[in-house]
Amino acid sequence: RREPGGEGRGTVGAGLLLALAACAAEPRRIEDCGKLRGT
């Protein structure tokens, strides 16, 4: 028997971590803008 909402447990957390790792943090200084991808 499965508990409701038990399917795929752990995949949401892993997906979120992967998405966060893929997103660069917003630069806090103008000098750091050059590190972004894309003109």
PDB file of all heavy atoms in Angstrom:
ATOM      1  N   ARG A   1       0.844  -1.200   0.000  1.00  0.00           N
ATOM      2  CA  ARG A   1       0.000   0.000   0.000  1.00  0.00           C
ATOM      3  C   ARG A   1       0.873   1.242   0.000  1.00  0.00           C
ATOM      4  O   ARG A   1       1.833   1.322   0.745  1.00  0.00           O
ATOM      5  CB  ARG A   1      -0.869  -0.044   1.252  1.00  0.00           C
ATOM      6  CG  ARG A   1      -1.909   0.984   1.272  1.00  0.00           C
ATOM      7  CD  ARG A   1      -2.914   0.667   2.377  1.00  0.00           C
ATOM      8  NE  ARG A   1      -3.753   1.820   2.502  1.00  0.00           N
ATOM      9  CZ  ARG A   1      -3.892   2.545   3.600  1.00  0.00           C
ATOM     10  NH1 ARG A   1      -3.297   2.176   4.695  1.00  0.00           N
ATOM     11  NH2 ARG A   1      -4.645   3.596   3.614  1.00  0.00           N
ATOM     12  N   ARG A   2       0.509   2.220  -0.840  1.00  0.00           N
ATOM     13  CA  ARG A   2       1.257   3.478  -0.908  1.00  0.00           C
ATOM     14  C   ARG A   2       0.505   4.569  -0.180  1.00  0.00           C
ATOM     15  O   ARG A   2      -0.712   4.648  -0.238  1.00  0.00           O
ATOM     16  CB  ARG A   2       1.445   3.931  -2.350  1.00  0.00           C
ATOM     17  CG  ARG A   2       2.410   3.094  -3.086  1.00  0.00           C
ATOM     18  CD  ARG A   2       2.614   3.687  -4.436  1.00  0.00           C
ATOM     19  NE  ARG A   2       3.758   3.056  -5.052  1.00  0.00           N
ATOM     20  CZ  ARG A   2       4.188   3.335  -6.244  1.00  0.00           C
ATOM     21  NH1 ARG A   2       3.579   4.232  -6.974  1.00  0.00           N
ATOM     22  NH2 ARG A   2       5.227   2.728  -6.749  1.00  0.00           N
ATOM     23  N   GLU A   3       1.263   5.420   0.435  1.00  0.00           N
ATOM     24  CA  GLU A   3       0.654   6.580   1.074  1.00  0.00           C
ATOM     25  C   GLU A   3       0.355   7.635   0.021  1.00  0.00           C
ATOM     26  O   GLU A   3       1.098   7.766  -0.941  1.00  0.00           O
ATOM     27  CB  GLU A   3       1.613   7.179   2.119  1.00  0.00           C
ATOM     28  CG  GLU A   3       1.861   6.281   3.287  1.00  0.00           C
ATOM     29  CD  GLU A   3       2.788   6.940   4.280  1.00  0.00           C
ATOM     30  OE1 GLU A   3       2.776   8.182   4.372  1.00  0.00           O
ATOM     31  OE2 GLU A   3       3.519   6.210   4.944  1.00  0.00           O
ATOM     32  N   PRO A   4      -0.728   8.403   0.212  1.00  0.00           N
ATOM     33  CA  PRO A   4      -1.018   9.461  -0.754  1.00  0.00           C
ATOM     34  C   PRO A   4       0.137  10.463  -0.809  1.00  0.00           C
ATOM     35  O   PRO A   4       0.677  10.856   0.211  1.00  0.00           O
ATOM     36  CB  PRO A   4      -2.279  10.137  -0.197  1.00  0.00           C
ATOM     37  CG  PRO A   4      -2.833   9.196   0.821  1.00  0.00           C
ATOM     38  CD  PRO A   4      -1.712   8.314   1.263  1.00  0.00           C
ATOM     39  N   GLY A   5       0.492  10.839  -2.008  1.00  0.00           N
ATOM     40  CA  GLY A   5       1.572  11.804  -2.179  1.00  0.00           C
ATOM     41  C   GLY A   5       2.945  11.201  -2.023  1.00  0.00           C
ATOM     42  O   GLY A   5       3.939  11.906  -2.049  1.00  0.00           O
ATOM     43  N   GLY A   6       3.032   9.895  -1.879  1.00  0.00           N
ATOM     44  CA  GLY A   6       4.311   9.254  -1.666  1.00  0.00           C
ATOM     45  C   GLY A   6       5.074   8.947  -2.934  1.00  0.00           C
ATOM     46  O   GLY A   6       6.233   8.597  -2.900  1.00  0.00           O
ATOM     47  N   GLU A   7       4.386   9.043  -4.077  1.00  0.00           N
ATOM     48  CA  GLU A   7       5.058   8.725  -5.330  1.00  0.00           C
ATOM     49  C   GLU A   7       6.135   9.755  -5.647  1.00  0.00           C
ATOM     50  O   GLU A   7       5.927  10.943  -5.487  1.00  0.00           O
ATOM     51  CB  GLU A   7       4.061   8.709  -6.503  1.00  0.00           C
ATOM     52  CG  GLU A   7       2.934   7.729  -6.347  1.00  0.00           C
ATOM     53  CD  GLU A   7       1.727   8.316  -5.643  1.00  0.00           C
ATOM     54  OE1 GLU A   7       1.498   9.527  -5.779  1.00  0.00           O
ATOM     55  OE2 GLU A   7       1.047   7.583  -4.953  1.00  0.00           O
ATOM     56  N   GLY A   8       7.255   9.264  -6.118  1.00  0.00           N
ATOM     57  CA  GLY A   8       8.299  10.159  -6.582  1.00  0.00           C
ATOM     58  C   GLY A   8       8.953  10.982  -5.492  1.00  0.00           C
ATOM     59  O   GLY A   8       9.528  12.014  -5.752  1.00  0.00           O
ATOM     60  N   ARG A   9       8.832  10.547  -4.287  1.00  0.00           N
ATOM     61  CA  ARG A   9       9.450  11.307  -3.200  1.00  0.00           C
ATOM     62  C   ARG A   9      10.944  11.430  -3.435  1.00  0.00           C
ATOM     63  O   ARG A   9      11.597  10.492  -3.819  1.00  0.00           O
ATOM     64  CB  ARG A   9       9.216  10.583  -1.879  1.00  0.00           C
ATOM     65  CG  ARG A   9       8.615  11.478  -0.870  1.00  0.00           C
ATOM     66  CD  ARG A   9       8.378  10.741   0.388  1.00  0.00           C
ATOM     67  NE  ARG A   9       6.971  10.904   0.679  1.00  0.00           N
ATOM     68  CZ  ARG A   9       6.413  10.573   1.803  1.00  0.00           C
ATOM     69  NH1 ARG A   9       7.109  10.003   2.728  1.00  0.00           N
ATOM     70  NH2 ARG A   9       5.156  10.780   1.996  1.00  0.00           N
ATOM     71  N   GLY A  10      11.470  12.606  -3.230  1.00  0.00           N
ATOM     72  CA  GLY A  10      12.892  12.835  -3.432  1.00  0.00           C
ATOM     73  C   GLY A  10      13.193  13.420  -4.801  1.00  0.00           C
ATOM     74  O   GLY A  10      14.163  14.122  -4.968  1.00  0.00           O
ATOM     75  N   THR A  11      12.346  13.143  -5.788  1.00  0.00           N
ATOM     76  CA  THR A  11      12.617  13.679  -7.116  1.00  0.00           C
ATOM     77  C   THR A  11      12.338  15.174  -7.177  1.00  0.00           C
ATOM     78  O   THR A  11      13.021  15.890  -7.880  1.00  0.00           O
ATOM     79  CB  THR A  11      11.798  12.955  -8.196  1.00  0.00           C
ATOM     80  OG1 THR A  11      10.415  13.063  -7.883  1.00  0.00           O
ATOM     81  CG2 THR A  11      12.204  11.501  -8.296  1.00  0.00           C
ATOM     82  N   VAL A  12      11.355  15.640  -6.443  1.00  0.00           N
ATOM     83  CA  VAL A  12      11.065  17.077  -6.441  1.00  0.00           C
ATOM     84  C   VAL A  12      12.236  17.823  -5.805  1.00  0.00           C
ATOM     85  O   VAL A  12      12.709  18.822  -6.327  1.00  0.00           O
ATOM     86  CB  VAL A  12       9.753  17.388  -5.695  1.00  0.00           C
ATOM     87  CG1 VAL A  12       9.572  18.886  -5.543  1.00  0.00           C
ATOM     88  CG2 VAL A  12       8.579  16.772  -6.423  1.00  0.00           C
ATOM     89  N   GLY A  13      12.733  17.337  -4.703  1.00  0.00           N
ATOM     90  CA  GLY A  13      13.864  17.977  -4.038  1.00  0.00           C
ATOM     91  C   GLY A  13      15.106  17.975  -4.908  1.00  0.00           C
ATOM     92  O   GLY A  13      15.801  18.977  -5.028  1.00  0.00           O
ATOM     93  N   ALA A  14      15.357  16.861  -5.573  1.00  0.00           N
ATOM     94  CA  ALA A  14      16.527  16.768  -6.440  1.00  0.00           C
ATOM     95  C   ALA A  14      16.370  17.695  -7.640  1.00  0.00           C
ATOM     96  O   ALA A  14      17.323  18.355  -8.057  1.00  0.00           O
ATOM     97  CB  ALA A  14      16.732  15.324  -6.896  1.00  0.00           C
ATOM     98  N   GLY A  15      15.153  17.761  -8.188  1.00  0.00           N
ATOM     99  CA  GLY A  15      14.895  18.647  -9.317  1.00  0.00           C
ATOM    100  C   GLY A  15      15.079  20.104  -8.936  1.00  0.00           C
ATOM    101  O   GLY A  15      15.615  20.905  -9.692  1.00  0.00           O
ATOM    102  N   LEU A  16      14.626  20.432  -7.736  1.00  0.00           N
ATOM    103  CA  LEU A  16      14.770  21.811  -7.260  1.00  0.00           C
ATOM    104  C   LEU A  16      16.241  22.165  -7.073  1.00  0.00           C
ATOM    105  O   LEU A  16      16.680  23.242  -7.471  1.00  0.00           O
ATOM    106  CB  LEU A  16      14.015  21.996  -5.940  1.00  0.00           C
ATOM    107  CG  LEU A  16      14.082  23.373  -5.299  1.00  0.00           C
ATOM    108  CD1 LEU A  16      13.498  24.420  -6.236  1.00  0.00           C
ATOM    109  CD2 LEU A  16      13.341  23.385  -3.984  1.00  0.00           C
ATOM    110  N   LEU A  17      17.002  21.259  -6.508  1.00  0.00           N
ATOM    111  CA  LEU A  17      18.433  21.509  -6.333  1.00  0.00           C
ATOM    112  C   LEU A  17      19.132  21.665  -7.681  1.00  0.00           C
ATOM    113  O   LEU A  17      19.988  22.527  -7.842  1.00  0.00           O
ATOM    114  CB  LEU A  17      19.085  20.371  -5.538  1.00  0.00           C
ATOM    115  CG  LEU A  17      18.777  20.343  -4.056  1.00  0.00           C
ATOM    116  CD1 LEU A  17      19.394  19.107  -3.408  1.00  0.00           C
ATOM    117  CD2 LEU A  17      19.297  21.596  -3.385  1.00  0.00           C
ATOM    118  N   LEU A  18      18.746  20.852  -8.635  1.00  0.00           N
ATOM    119  CA  LEU A  18      19.336  20.945  -9.961  1.00  0.00           C
ATOM    120  C   LEU A  18      18.994  22.281 -10.604  1.00  0.00           C
ATOM    121  O   LEU A  18      19.861  22.936 -11.196  1.00  0.00           O
ATOM    122  CB  LEU A  18      18.842  19.793 -10.839  1.00  0.00           C
ATOM    123  CG  LEU A  18      19.441  19.697 -12.229  1.00  0.00           C
ATOM    124  CD1 LEU A  18      20.947  19.514 -12.150  1.00  0.00           C
ATOM    125  CD2 LEU A  18      18.810  18.561 -12.996  1.00  0.00           C
ATOM    126  N   ALA A  19      17.752  22.712 -10.469  1.00  0.00           N
ATOM    127  CA  ALA A  19      17.341  24.004 -11.037  1.00  0.00           C
ATOM    128  C   ALA A  19      18.079  25.157 -10.368  1.00  0.00           C
ATOM    129  O   ALA A  19      18.505  26.097 -11.031  1.00  0.00           O
ATOM    130  CB  ALA A  19      15.836  24.184 -10.887  1.00  0.00           C
ATOM    131  N   LEU A  20      18.231  25.099  -9.062  1.00  0.00           N
ATOM    132  CA  LEU A  20      18.942  26.156  -8.347  1.00  0.00           C
ATOM    133  C   LEU A  20      20.410  26.209  -8.735  1.00  0.00           C
ATOM    134  O   LEU A  20      20.997  27.282  -8.850  1.00  0.00           O
ATOM    135  CB  LEU A  20      18.811  25.976  -6.833  1.00  0.00           C
ATOM    136  CG  LEU A  20      17.433  26.265  -6.252  1.00  0.00           C
ATOM    137  CD1 LEU A  20      17.390  25.888  -4.769  1.00  0.00           C
ATOM    138  CD2 LEU A  20      17.050  27.713  -6.445  1.00  0.00           C
ATOM    139  N   ALA A  21      21.000  25.059  -8.943  1.00  0.00           N
ATOM    140  CA  ALA A  21      22.405  25.015  -9.342  1.00  0.00           C
ATOM    141  C   ALA A  21      22.592  25.574 -10.750  1.00  0.00           C
ATOM    142  O   ALA A  21      23.612  26.194 -11.049  1.00  0.00           O
ATOM    143  CB  ALA A  21      22.925  23.579  -9.272  1.00  0.00           C
ATOM    144  N   ALA A  22      21.599  25.364 -11.608  1.00  0.00           N
ATOM    145  CA  ALA A  22      21.697  25.849 -12.977  1.00  0.00           C
ATOM    146  C   ALA A  22      21.519  27.362 -13.062  1.00  0.00           C
ATOM    147  O   ALA A  22      22.024  28.000 -13.973  1.00  0.00           O
ATOM    148  CB  ALA A  22      20.658  25.154 -13.848  1.00  0.00           C
ATOM    149  N   CYS A  23      20.790  27.935 -12.131  1.00  0.00           N
ATOM    150  CA  CYS A  23      20.547  29.378 -12.137  1.00  0.00           C
ATOM    151  C   CYS A  23      21.685  30.085 -11.414  1.00  0.00           C
ATOM    152  O   CYS A  23      21.974  29.793 -10.267  1.00  0.00           O
ATOM    153  CB  CYS A  23      19.243  29.713 -11.420  1.00  0.00           C
ATOM    154  SG  CYS A  23      17.804  29.044 -12.225  1.00  0.00           S
ATOM    155  N   ALA A  24      22.300  31.013 -12.102  1.00  0.00           N
ATOM    156  CA  ALA A  24      23.356  31.792 -11.460  1.00  0.00           C
ATOM    157  C   ALA A  24      22.719  32.822 -10.543  1.00  0.00           C
ATOM    158  O   ALA A  24      21.643  33.338 -10.820  1.00  0.00           O
ATOM    159  CB  ALA A  24      24.210  32.478 -12.516  1.00  0.00           C
ATOM    160  N   ALA A  25      23.386  33.097  -9.470  1.00  0.00           N
ATOM    161  CA  ALA A  25      22.887  34.118  -8.555  1.00  0.00           C
ATOM    162  C   ALA A  25      22.976  35.478  -9.229  1.00  0.00           C
ATOM    163  O   ALA A  25      23.866  35.737 -10.031  1.00  0.00           O
ATOM    164  CB  ALA A  25      23.709  34.108  -7.269  1.00  0.00           C
ATOM    165  N   GLU A  26      22.026  36.329  -8.915  1.00  0.00           N
ATOM    166  CA  GLU A  26      22.026  37.692  -9.463  1.00  0.00           C
ATOM    167  C   GLU A  26      23.256  38.429  -8.937  1.00  0.00           C
ATOM    168  O   GLU A  26      23.516  38.421  -7.735  1.00  0.00           O
ATOM    169  CB  GLU A  26      20.749  38.398  -9.008  1.00  0.00           C
ATOM    170  CG  GLU A  26      20.448  39.660  -9.731  1.00  0.00           C
ATOM    171  CD  GLU A  26      20.075  39.474 -11.193  1.00  0.00           C
ATOM    172  OE1 GLU A  26      19.590  38.397 -11.566  1.00  0.00           O
ATOM    173  OE2 GLU A  26      20.291  40.421 -11.951  1.00  0.00           O
ATOM    174  N   PRO A  27      24.019  39.039  -9.818  1.00  0.00           N
ATOM    175  CA  PRO A  27      25.216  39.765  -9.377  1.00  0.00           C
ATOM    176  C   PRO A  27      24.872  40.865  -8.367  1.00  0.00           C
ATOM    177  O   PRO A  27      23.846  41.532  -8.491  1.00  0.00           O
ATOM    178  CB  PRO A  27      25.765  40.368 -10.666  1.00  0.00           C
ATOM    179  CG  PRO A  27      25.273  39.470 -11.738  1.00  0.00           C
ATOM    180  CD  PRO A  27      23.915  39.036 -11.280  1.00  0.00           C
ATOM    181  N   ARG A  28      25.727  41.039  -7.395  1.00  0.00           N
ATOM    182  CA  ARG A  28      25.533  42.071  -6.377  1.00  0.00           C
ATOM    183  C   ARG A  28      26.363  43.314  -6.659  1.00  0.00           C
ATOM    184  O   ARG A  28      26.197  44.325  -6.007  1.00  0.00           O
ATOM    185  CB  ARG A  28      25.891  41.521  -4.999  1.00  0.00           C
ATOM    186  CG  ARG A  28      24.964  40.414  -4.557  1.00  0.00           C
ATOM    187  CD  ARG A  28      25.414  39.847  -3.224  1.00  0.00           C
ATOM    188  NE  ARG A  28      24.617  38.704  -2.875  1.00  0.00           N
ATOM    189  CZ  ARG A  28      23.718  38.724  -1.905  1.00  0.00           C
ATOM    190  NH1 ARG A  28      23.521  39.804  -1.216  1.00  0.00           N
ATOM    191  NH2 ARG A  28      23.022  37.643  -1.637  1.00  0.00           N
ATOM    192  N   ARG A  29      27.286  43.207  -7.621  1.00  0.00           N
ATOM    193  CA  ARG A  29      28.126  44.349  -8.013  1.00  0.00           C
ATOM    194  C   ARG A  29      28.133  44.435  -9.532  1.00  0.00           C
ATOM    195  O   ARG A  29      28.073  43.423 -10.213  1.00  0.00           O
ATOM    196  CB  ARG A  29      29.565  44.148  -7.515  1.00  0.00           C
ATOM    197  CG  ARG A  29      29.696  44.015  -6.021  1.00  0.00           C
ATOM    198  CD  ARG A  29      31.116  43.740  -5.568  1.00  0.00           C
ATOM    199  NE  ARG A  29      31.834  42.836  -6.477  1.00  0.00           N
ATOM    200  CZ  ARG A  29      33.107  42.984  -6.816  1.00  0.00           C
ATOM    201  NH1 ARG A  29      33.825  43.948  -6.302  1.00  0.00           N
ATOM    202  NH2 ARG A  29      33.692  42.140  -7.641  1.00  0.00           N
ATOM    203  N   ILE A  30      28.251  45.642 -10.040  1.00  0.00           N
ATOM    204  CA  ILE A  30      28.253  45.836 -11.490  1.00  0.00           C
ATOM    205  C   ILE A  30      29.422  45.111 -12.145  1.00  0.00           C
ATOM    206  O   ILE A  30      29.318  44.639 -13.277  1.00  0.00           O
ATOM    207  CB  ILE A  30      28.225  47.347 -11.847  1.00  0.00           C
ATOM    208  CG1 ILE A  30      27.845  47.548 -13.312  1.00  0.00           C
ATOM    209  CG2 ILE A  30      29.546  48.014 -11.514  1.00  0.00           C
ATOM    210  CD1 ILE A  30      27.541  48.984 -13.671  1.00  0.00           C
ATOM    211  N   GLU A  31      30.510  44.980 -11.424  1.00  0.00           N
ATOM    212  CA  GLU A  31      31.689  44.295 -11.958  1.00  0.00           C
ATOM    213  C   GLU A  31      31.404  42.824 -12.239  1.00  0.00           C
ATOM    214  O   GLU A  31      32.059  42.204 -13.078  1.00  0.00           O
ATOM    215  CB  GLU A  31      32.871  44.400 -10.985  1.00  0.00           C
ATOM    216  CG  GLU A  31      33.387  45.803 -10.797  1.00  0.00           C
ATOM    217  CD  GLU A  31      32.662  46.577  -9.688  1.00  0.00           C
ATOM    218  OE1 GLU A  31      31.651  46.087  -9.143  1.00  0.00           O
ATOM    219  OE2 GLU A  31      33.119  47.680  -9.375  1.00  0.00           O
ATOM    220  N   ASP A  32      30.445  42.244 -11.539  1.00  0.00           N
ATOM    221  CA  ASP A  32      30.136  40.823 -11.696  1.00  0.00           C
ATOM    222  C   ASP A  32      29.199  40.531 -12.862  1.00  0.00           C
ATOM    223  O   ASP A  32      28.985  39.371 -13.210  1.00  0.00           O
ATOM    224  CB  ASP A  32      29.532  40.275 -10.404  1.00  0.00           C
ATOM    225  CG  ASP A  32      30.500  40.352  -9.238  1.00  0.00           C
ATOM    226  OD1 ASP A  32      31.728  40.320  -9.484  1.00  0.00           O
ATOM    227  OD2 ASP A  32      30.043  40.462  -8.090  1.00  0.00           O
ATOM    228  N   CYS A  33      28.628  41.564 -13.465  1.00  0.00           N
ATOM    229  CA  CYS A  33      27.704  41.365 -14.589  1.00  0.00           C
ATOM    230  C   CYS A  33      28.395  40.682 -15.770  1.00  0.00           C
ATOM    231  O   CYS A  33      27.767  39.922 -16.502  1.00  0.00           O
ATOM    232  CB  CYS A  33      27.109  42.697 -15.036  1.00  0.00           C
ATOM    233  SG  CYS A  33      25.969  43.414 -13.847  1.00  0.00           S
ATOM    234  N   GLY A  34      29.665  40.942 -15.957  1.00  0.00           N
ATOM    235  CA  GLY A  34      30.406  40.354 -17.066  1.00  0.00           C
ATOM    236  C   GLY A  34      30.514  38.843 -16.991  1.00  0.00           C
ATOM    237  O   GLY A  34      30.847  38.191 -17.977  1.00  0.00           O
ATOM    238  N   LYS A  35      30.212  38.260 -15.848  1.00  0.00           N
ATOM    239  CA  LYS A  35      30.288  36.807 -15.679  1.00  0.00           C
ATOM    240  C   LYS A  35      29.030  36.096 -16.169  1.00  0.00           C
ATOM    241  O   LYS A  35      29.013  34.880 -16.267  1.00  0.00           O
ATOM    242  CB  LYS A  35      30.515  36.467 -14.207  1.00  0.00           C
ATOM    243  CG  LYS A  35      31.834  36.982 -13.671  1.00  0.00           C
ATOM    244  CD  LYS A  35      31.965  36.701 -12.202  1.00  0.00           C
ATOM    245  CE  LYS A  35      33.231  37.320 -11.641  1.00  0.00           C
ATOM    246  NZ  LYS A  35      33.312  37.183 -10.182  1.00  0.00           N
ATOM    247  N   LEU A  36      27.988  36.862 -16.472  1.00  0.00           N
ATOM    248  CA  LEU A  36      26.744  36.263 -16.945  1.00  0.00           C
ATOM    249  C   LEU A  36      26.916  35.747 -18.363  1.00  0.00           C
ATOM    250  O   LEU A  36      27.770  36.196 -19.109  1.00  0.00           O
ATOM    251  CB  LEU A  36      25.613  37.290 -16.908  1.00  0.00           C
ATOM    252  CG  LEU A  36      25.208  37.791 -15.528  1.00  0.00           C
ATOM    253  CD1 LEU A  36      24.161  38.886 -15.662  1.00  0.00           C
ATOM    254  CD2 LEU A  36      24.667  36.655 -14.676  1.00  0.00           C
ATOM    255  N   ARG A  37      26.063  34.794 -18.732  1.00  0.00           N
ATOM    256  CA  ARG A  37      26.106  34.251 -20.088  1.00  0.00           C
ATOM    257  C   ARG A  37      25.200  35.070 -20.987  1.00  0.00           C
ATOM    258  O   ARG A  37      24.073  35.374 -20.631  1.00  0.00           O
ATOM    259  CB  ARG A  37      25.615  32.803 -20.092  1.00  0.00           C
ATOM    260  CG  ARG A  37      26.725  31.834 -19.901  1.00  0.00           C
ATOM    261  CD  ARG A  37      26.504  30.564 -20.626  1.00  0.00           C
ATOM    262  NE  ARG A  37      25.520  29.699 -20.004  1.00  0.00           N
ATOM    263  CZ  ARG A  37      25.222  28.516 -20.478  1.00  0.00           C
ATOM    264  NH1 ARG A  37      25.809  28.070 -21.551  1.00  0.00           N
ATOM    265  NH2 ARG A  37      24.342  27.774 -19.896  1.00  0.00           N
ATOM    266  N   GLY A  38      25.697  35.450 -22.133  1.00  0.00           N
ATOM    267  CA  GLY A  38      24.907  36.164 -23.113  1.00  0.00           C
ATOM    268  C   GLY A  38      25.093  37.665 -23.021  1.00  0.00           C
ATOM    269  O   GLY A  38      25.070  38.244 -21.935  1.00  0.00           O
ATOM    270  N   THR A  39      25.274  38.271 -24.163  1.00  0.00           N
ATOM    271  CA  THR A  39      25.516  39.710 -24.217  1.00  0.00           C
ATOM    272  C   THR A  39      24.346  40.497 -23.659  1.00  0.00           C
ATOM    273  O   THR A  39      24.533  41.461 -22.906  1.00  0.00           O
ATOM    274  CB  THR A  39      25.794  40.134 -25.671  1.00  0.00           C
ATOM    275  OG1 THR A  39      26.874  39.348 -26.159  1.00  0.00           O
ATOM    276  CG2 THR A  39      26.161  41.594 -25.756  1.00  0.00           C
TER     277      THR A  39
END
